[in-house]
Amino acid sequence: MGMRKIKLKLRPIPPAIEERDGSYYITQSAVPFAAVILHFKEGLSPEPIRRECFPSLALVKIYSVISFYLNHQEQVESYLSQLRQEEDELQEKLLRQHPEFVKTAEGLRERSSAALPI
């Protein structure tokens, strides 16, 4: 009498990433795809990413997102580079439109450094 072979019910894993208004998010969450990847690139593994950063995310989604990154690194790096460029452009635009922010930031920096004991 031989052992009965177990059959795995293989079906596609639902995607963990979805596009919304030109940006990518973890499915059924408000967490940007890039946020998870950046934490991974900083050296965090999936468990600490969930525990310390995004406790509402299922661990399987974090693993799926990291797997996607590792299998499509060049494409994802291009996407992250584009995001950085867009953020830099937005910051420059805001500073041009509101130069008082620079003065306020400089004033805060001066006051905080003056308050530090030597």
N, C-alpha and C. Protein backbone atom coordinates (compact mmCIF):
# COMPACT_ATOMS: atom_id res chain seq x y z
N MET A 1 0.83 -1.17 0.00
CA MET A 1 0.00 0.00 0.00
C MET A 1 0.89 1.24 0.00
N GLY A 2 0.81 2.06 -1.08
CA GLY A 2 1.65 3.25 -1.17
C GLY A 2 0.98 4.46 -0.57
N MET A 3 1.80 5.42 -0.26
CA MET A 3 1.26 6.67 0.29
C MET A 3 0.57 7.46 -0.82
N ARG A 4 -0.49 8.06 -0.48
CA ARG A 4 -1.22 8.90 -1.43
C ARG A 4 -0.48 10.23 -1.56
N LYS A 5 -0.20 10.62 -2.80
CA LYS A 5 0.51 11.88 -3.03
C LYS A 5 -0.41 13.06 -2.75
N ILE A 6 0.14 14.02 -2.08
CA ILE A 6 -0.61 15.24 -1.80
C ILE A 6 -0.49 16.16 -3.00
N LYS A 7 -1.61 16.66 -3.44
CA LYS A 7 -1.64 17.60 -4.56
C LYS A 7 -1.76 19.00 -4.00
N LEU A 8 -0.86 19.86 -4.41
CA LEU A 8 -0.94 21.27 -4.02
C LEU A 8 -1.95 21.97 -4.91
N LYS A 9 -2.76 22.79 -4.32
CA LYS A 9 -3.73 23.55 -5.10
C LYS A 9 -3.05 24.85 -5.55
N LEU A 10 -2.37 24.74 -6.66
CA LEU A 10 -1.63 25.89 -7.18
C LEU A 10 -2.59 26.84 -7.88
N ARG A 11 -2.52 28.05 -7.49
CA ARG A 11 -3.29 29.10 -8.16
C ARG A 11 -2.45 30.36 -8.09
N PRO A 12 -2.69 31.26 -8.98
CA PRO A 12 -1.87 32.48 -8.96
C PRO A 12 -2.00 33.22 -7.63
N ILE A 13 -0.88 33.72 -7.19
CA ILE A 13 -0.88 34.55 -5.97
C ILE A 13 -1.42 35.92 -6.36
N PRO A 14 -2.40 36.43 -5.62
CA PRO A 14 -2.91 37.75 -5.97
C PRO A 14 -1.79 38.79 -5.89
N PRO A 15 -1.81 39.75 -6.79
CA PRO A 15 -0.74 40.77 -6.76
C PRO A 15 -0.80 41.57 -5.46
N ALA A 16 0.38 41.92 -4.98
CA ALA A 16 0.47 42.71 -3.75
C ALA A 16 0.64 44.19 -4.05
N ILE A 17 0.74 44.53 -5.33
CA ILE A 17 0.97 45.92 -5.74
C ILE A 17 -0.12 46.31 -6.72
N GLU A 18 -0.64 47.52 -6.54
CA GLU A 18 -1.63 48.02 -7.49
C GLU A 18 -1.32 49.47 -7.84
N GLU A 19 -1.74 49.85 -9.02
CA GLU A 19 -1.54 51.24 -9.47
C GLU A 19 -2.78 52.04 -9.16
N ARG A 20 -2.57 53.22 -8.60
CA ARG A 20 -3.67 54.16 -8.32
C ARG A 20 -3.21 55.55 -8.71
N ASP A 21 -3.87 56.14 -9.64
CA ASP A 21 -3.57 57.51 -10.06
C ASP A 21 -2.09 57.70 -10.41
N GLY A 22 -1.50 56.73 -11.08
CA GLY A 22 -0.12 56.85 -11.52
C GLY A 22 0.93 56.51 -10.48
N SER A 23 0.49 56.14 -9.28
CA SER A 23 1.43 55.73 -8.23
C SER A 23 1.13 54.29 -7.84
N TYR A 24 2.08 53.64 -7.18
CA TYR A 24 1.92 52.25 -6.82
C TYR A 24 1.81 52.09 -5.31
N TYR A 25 0.86 51.26 -4.90
CA TYR A 25 0.56 51.02 -3.49
C TYR A 25 0.46 49.52 -3.23
N ILE A 26 0.60 49.17 -1.95
CA ILE A 26 0.33 47.80 -1.54
C ILE A 26 -1.19 47.63 -1.63
N THR A 27 -1.64 46.53 -2.22
CA THR A 27 -3.07 46.35 -2.44
C THR A 27 -3.85 46.47 -1.14
N GLN A 28 -5.01 47.08 -1.26
CA GLN A 28 -5.94 47.27 -0.15
C GLN A 28 -5.31 47.99 1.04
N SER A 29 -4.42 48.93 0.76
CA SER A 29 -3.81 49.72 1.83
C SER A 29 -3.45 51.10 1.29
N ALA A 30 -3.08 51.97 2.19
CA ALA A 30 -2.61 53.31 1.81
C ALA A 30 -1.09 53.38 1.78
N VAL A 31 -0.43 52.25 1.93
CA VAL A 31 1.03 52.20 2.01
C VAL A 31 1.63 52.22 0.61
N PRO A 32 2.47 53.21 0.31
CA PRO A 32 3.13 53.24 -1.00
C PRO A 32 4.11 52.07 -1.16
N PHE A 33 4.13 51.52 -2.33
CA PHE A 33 5.06 50.44 -2.69
C PHE A 33 6.50 50.86 -2.39
N ALA A 34 6.84 52.09 -2.78
CA ALA A 34 8.21 52.58 -2.60
C ALA A 34 8.62 52.60 -1.13
N ALA A 35 7.69 52.87 -0.22
CA ALA A 35 8.02 52.94 1.20
C ALA A 35 8.54 51.60 1.71
N VAL A 36 7.90 50.52 1.31
CA VAL A 36 8.34 49.19 1.74
C VAL A 36 9.72 48.89 1.15
N ILE A 37 9.90 49.19 -0.13
CA ILE A 37 11.18 48.91 -0.78
C ILE A 37 12.31 49.73 -0.16
N LEU A 38 12.06 50.98 0.15
CA LEU A 38 13.11 51.81 0.75
C LEU A 38 13.52 51.28 2.11
N HIS A 39 12.57 50.81 2.91
CA HIS A 39 12.93 50.20 4.20
C HIS A 39 13.75 48.93 3.99
N PHE A 40 13.39 48.14 2.98
CA PHE A 40 14.15 46.93 2.67
C PHE A 40 15.57 47.30 2.25
N LYS A 41 15.71 48.33 1.43
CA LYS A 41 17.04 48.75 0.97
C LYS A 41 17.88 49.32 2.11
N GLU A 42 17.22 49.81 3.17
CA GLU A 42 17.94 50.31 4.34
C GLU A 42 18.42 49.16 5.23
N GLY A 43 18.02 47.93 4.89
CA GLY A 43 18.52 46.78 5.62
C GLY A 43 17.49 46.07 6.48
N LEU A 44 16.25 46.54 6.48
CA LEU A 44 15.23 45.86 7.27
C LEU A 44 14.72 44.63 6.53
N SER A 45 14.50 43.57 7.26
CA SER A 45 13.90 42.37 6.67
C SER A 45 12.38 42.49 6.79
N PRO A 46 11.63 41.61 6.15
CA PRO A 46 10.17 41.73 6.15
C PRO A 46 9.51 41.82 7.53
N GLU A 47 9.97 41.01 8.48
CA GLU A 47 9.34 41.03 9.80
C GLU A 47 9.48 42.39 10.49
N PRO A 48 10.69 42.96 10.56
CA PRO A 48 10.80 44.30 11.16
C PRO A 48 10.06 45.38 10.36
N ILE A 49 10.00 45.22 9.04
CA ILE A 49 9.24 46.20 8.25
C ILE A 49 7.79 46.20 8.72
N ARG A 50 7.25 45.02 8.91
CA ARG A 50 5.86 44.93 9.37
C ARG A 50 5.73 45.43 10.81
N ARG A 51 6.57 44.92 11.69
CA ARG A 51 6.46 45.22 13.11
C ARG A 51 6.71 46.70 13.40
N GLU A 52 7.75 47.28 12.80
CA GLU A 52 8.17 48.63 13.15
C GLU A 52 7.56 49.72 12.26
N CYS A 53 7.17 49.36 11.04
CA CYS A 53 6.77 50.39 10.10
C CYS A 53 5.30 50.29 9.66
N PHE A 54 4.87 49.09 9.32
CA PHE A 54 3.54 48.92 8.74
C PHE A 54 2.82 47.72 9.37
N PRO A 55 2.44 47.81 10.64
CA PRO A 55 1.82 46.66 11.31
C PRO A 55 0.49 46.24 10.69
N SER A 56 -0.13 47.11 9.92
CA SER A 56 -1.41 46.74 9.30
C SER A 56 -1.24 45.88 8.06
N LEU A 57 -0.02 45.81 7.52
CA LEU A 57 0.22 45.01 6.31
C LEU A 57 0.41 43.53 6.65
N ALA A 58 -0.16 42.68 5.82
CA ALA A 58 0.08 41.25 5.98
C ALA A 58 1.52 40.95 5.58
N LEU A 59 2.16 40.09 6.34
CA LEU A 59 3.55 39.74 6.07
C LEU A 59 3.72 39.16 4.67
N VAL A 60 2.75 38.40 4.21
CA VAL A 60 2.83 37.81 2.88
C VAL A 60 2.90 38.90 1.80
N LYS A 61 2.24 40.03 2.02
CA LYS A 61 2.29 41.13 1.04
C LYS A 61 3.68 41.76 1.03
N ILE A 62 4.28 41.90 2.19
CA ILE A 62 5.63 42.48 2.26
C ILE A 62 6.62 41.57 1.55
N TYR A 63 6.53 40.27 1.80
CA TYR A 63 7.40 39.33 1.10
C TYR A 63 7.17 39.39 -0.41
N SER A 64 5.92 39.50 -0.82
CA SER A 64 5.59 39.55 -2.24
C SER A 64 6.18 40.80 -2.90
N VAL A 65 6.08 41.93 -2.22
CA VAL A 65 6.61 43.18 -2.74
C VAL A 65 8.13 43.10 -2.86
N ILE A 66 8.78 42.56 -1.86
CA ILE A 66 10.24 42.43 -1.90
C ILE A 66 10.65 41.45 -3.01
N SER A 67 9.90 40.39 -3.16
CA SER A 67 10.17 39.44 -4.24
C SER A 67 10.05 40.12 -5.60
N PHE A 68 9.02 40.94 -5.76
CA PHE A 68 8.86 41.67 -7.01
C PHE A 68 10.08 42.56 -7.24
N TYR A 69 10.50 43.28 -6.20
CA TYR A 69 11.67 44.15 -6.31
C TYR A 69 12.90 43.36 -6.75
N LEU A 70 13.15 42.24 -6.08
CA LEU A 70 14.34 41.46 -6.39
C LEU A 70 14.31 40.88 -7.81
N ASN A 71 13.12 40.61 -8.32
CA ASN A 71 12.99 40.06 -9.67
C ASN A 71 12.91 41.13 -10.75
N HIS A 72 12.74 42.38 -10.35
CA HIS A 72 12.61 43.48 -11.31
C HIS A 72 13.40 44.70 -10.83
N GLN A 73 14.60 44.46 -10.31
CA GLN A 73 15.37 45.51 -9.66
C GLN A 73 15.64 46.72 -10.55
N GLU A 74 16.04 46.48 -11.76
CA GLU A 74 16.37 47.61 -12.65
C GLU A 74 15.15 48.49 -12.89
N GLN A 75 14.03 47.87 -13.14
CA GLN A 75 12.78 48.60 -13.38
C GLN A 75 12.36 49.38 -12.13
N VAL A 76 12.43 48.75 -10.98
CA VAL A 76 12.02 49.41 -9.73
C VAL A 76 12.99 50.54 -9.39
N GLU A 77 14.28 50.33 -9.61
CA GLU A 77 15.25 51.40 -9.34
C GLU A 77 14.97 52.62 -10.23
N SER A 78 14.59 52.39 -11.46
CA SER A 78 14.23 53.50 -12.36
C SER A 78 13.01 54.23 -11.82
N TYR A 79 12.04 53.48 -11.33
CA TYR A 79 10.83 54.07 -10.74
C TYR A 79 11.18 54.90 -9.50
N LEU A 80 12.03 54.36 -8.62
CA LEU A 80 12.44 55.09 -7.42
C LEU A 80 13.21 56.36 -7.79
N SER A 81 14.05 56.28 -8.79
CA SER A 81 14.79 57.44 -9.26
C SER A 81 13.83 58.52 -9.78
N GLN A 82 12.83 58.10 -10.50
CA GLN A 82 11.82 59.04 -11.00
C GLN A 82 11.08 59.70 -9.84
N LEU A 83 10.74 58.93 -8.81
CA LEU A 83 10.07 59.50 -7.64
C LEU A 83 10.94 60.55 -6.96
N ARG A 84 12.24 60.24 -6.80
CA ARG A 84 13.16 61.20 -6.18
C ARG A 84 13.23 62.49 -6.99
N GLN A 85 13.29 62.35 -8.31
CA GLN A 85 13.36 63.52 -9.18
C GLN A 85 12.08 64.35 -9.05
N GLU A 86 10.92 63.70 -9.03
CA GLU A 86 9.65 64.42 -8.88
C GLU A 86 9.58 65.13 -7.53
N GLU A 87 10.07 64.47 -6.46
CA GLU A 87 10.08 65.09 -5.13
C GLU A 87 11.00 66.32 -5.11
N ASP A 88 12.17 66.20 -5.73
CA ASP A 88 13.11 67.32 -5.80
C ASP A 88 12.51 68.50 -6.55
N GLU A 89 11.85 68.22 -7.66
CA GLU A 89 11.22 69.28 -8.45
C GLU A 89 10.10 69.96 -7.66
N LEU A 90 9.31 69.17 -6.95
CA LEU A 90 8.24 69.74 -6.14
C LEU A 90 8.80 70.61 -5.02
N GLN A 91 9.86 70.13 -4.38
CA GLN A 91 10.48 70.90 -3.30
C GLN A 91 11.02 72.23 -3.84
N GLU A 92 11.69 72.20 -4.98
CA GLU A 92 12.21 73.44 -5.58
C GLU A 92 11.07 74.40 -5.91
N LYS A 93 10.00 73.88 -6.46
CA LYS A 93 8.84 74.71 -6.81
C LYS A 93 8.25 75.36 -5.56
N LEU A 94 8.08 74.56 -4.50
CA LEU A 94 7.53 75.11 -3.26
C LEU A 94 8.43 76.17 -2.65
N LEU A 95 9.74 75.95 -2.71
CA LEU A 95 10.66 76.94 -2.16
C LEU A 95 10.67 78.23 -2.98
N ARG A 96 10.52 78.10 -4.30
CA ARG A 96 10.42 79.31 -5.14
C ARG A 96 9.13 80.07 -4.84
N GLN A 97 8.05 79.34 -4.63
CA GLN A 97 6.76 79.97 -4.38
C GLN A 97 6.65 80.52 -2.96
N HIS A 98 7.39 79.92 -2.02
CA HIS A 98 7.30 80.31 -0.61
C HIS A 98 8.70 80.46 -0.01
N PRO A 99 9.44 81.51 -0.41
CA PRO A 99 10.80 81.67 0.11
C PRO A 99 10.85 81.88 1.62
N GLU A 100 9.72 82.27 2.21
CA GLU A 100 9.69 82.46 3.66
C GLU A 100 9.96 81.16 4.41
N PHE A 101 9.70 80.01 3.77
CA PHE A 101 9.99 78.72 4.41
C PHE A 101 11.48 78.57 4.66
N VAL A 102 12.29 79.04 3.73
CA VAL A 102 13.74 78.95 3.89
C VAL A 102 14.18 79.80 5.06
N LYS A 103 13.67 81.03 5.13
CA LYS A 103 14.03 81.92 6.24
C LYS A 103 13.59 81.33 7.58
N THR A 104 12.39 80.77 7.62
CA THR A 104 11.89 80.17 8.85
C THR A 104 12.76 78.99 9.26
N ALA A 105 13.12 78.14 8.31
CA ALA A 105 13.96 76.97 8.60
C ALA A 105 15.34 77.42 9.08
N GLU A 106 15.90 78.45 8.44
CA GLU A 106 17.22 78.95 8.85
C GLU A 106 17.15 79.52 10.26
N GLY A 107 16.08 80.24 10.56
CA GLY A 107 15.90 80.81 11.89
C GLY A 107 15.79 79.73 12.95
N LEU A 108 15.02 78.69 12.66
CA LEU A 108 14.88 77.58 13.60
C LEU A 108 16.21 76.87 13.82
N ARG A 109 16.96 76.69 12.74
CA ARG A 109 18.26 76.03 12.84
C ARG A 109 19.20 76.86 13.70
N GLU A 110 19.22 78.19 13.51
CA GLU A 110 20.09 79.06 14.30
C GLU A 110 19.71 79.02 15.78
N ARG A 111 18.41 79.08 16.06
CA ARG A 111 17.97 79.05 17.47
C ARG A 111 18.28 77.73 18.13
N SER A 112 18.11 76.62 17.40
CA SER A 112 18.37 75.32 18.03
C SER A 112 19.86 75.12 18.24
N SER A 113 20.71 75.60 17.32
CA SER A 113 22.16 75.44 17.52
C SER A 113 22.66 76.38 18.61
N ALA A 114 22.02 77.53 18.77
CA ALA A 114 22.42 78.46 19.83
C ALA A 114 22.04 77.92 21.20
N ALA A 115 20.98 77.12 21.24
CA ALA A 115 20.51 76.58 22.52
C ALA A 115 21.32 75.36 22.97
N LEU A 116 22.11 74.79 22.07
CA LEU A 116 22.89 73.61 22.44
C LEU A 116 24.10 74.01 23.29
N PRO A 117 24.31 73.30 24.39
CA PRO A 117 25.49 73.60 25.23
C PRO A 117 26.77 73.16 24.52
N ILE A 118 27.80 73.95 24.74
CA ILE A 118 29.10 73.63 24.10
C ILE A 118 29.98 72.88 25.04
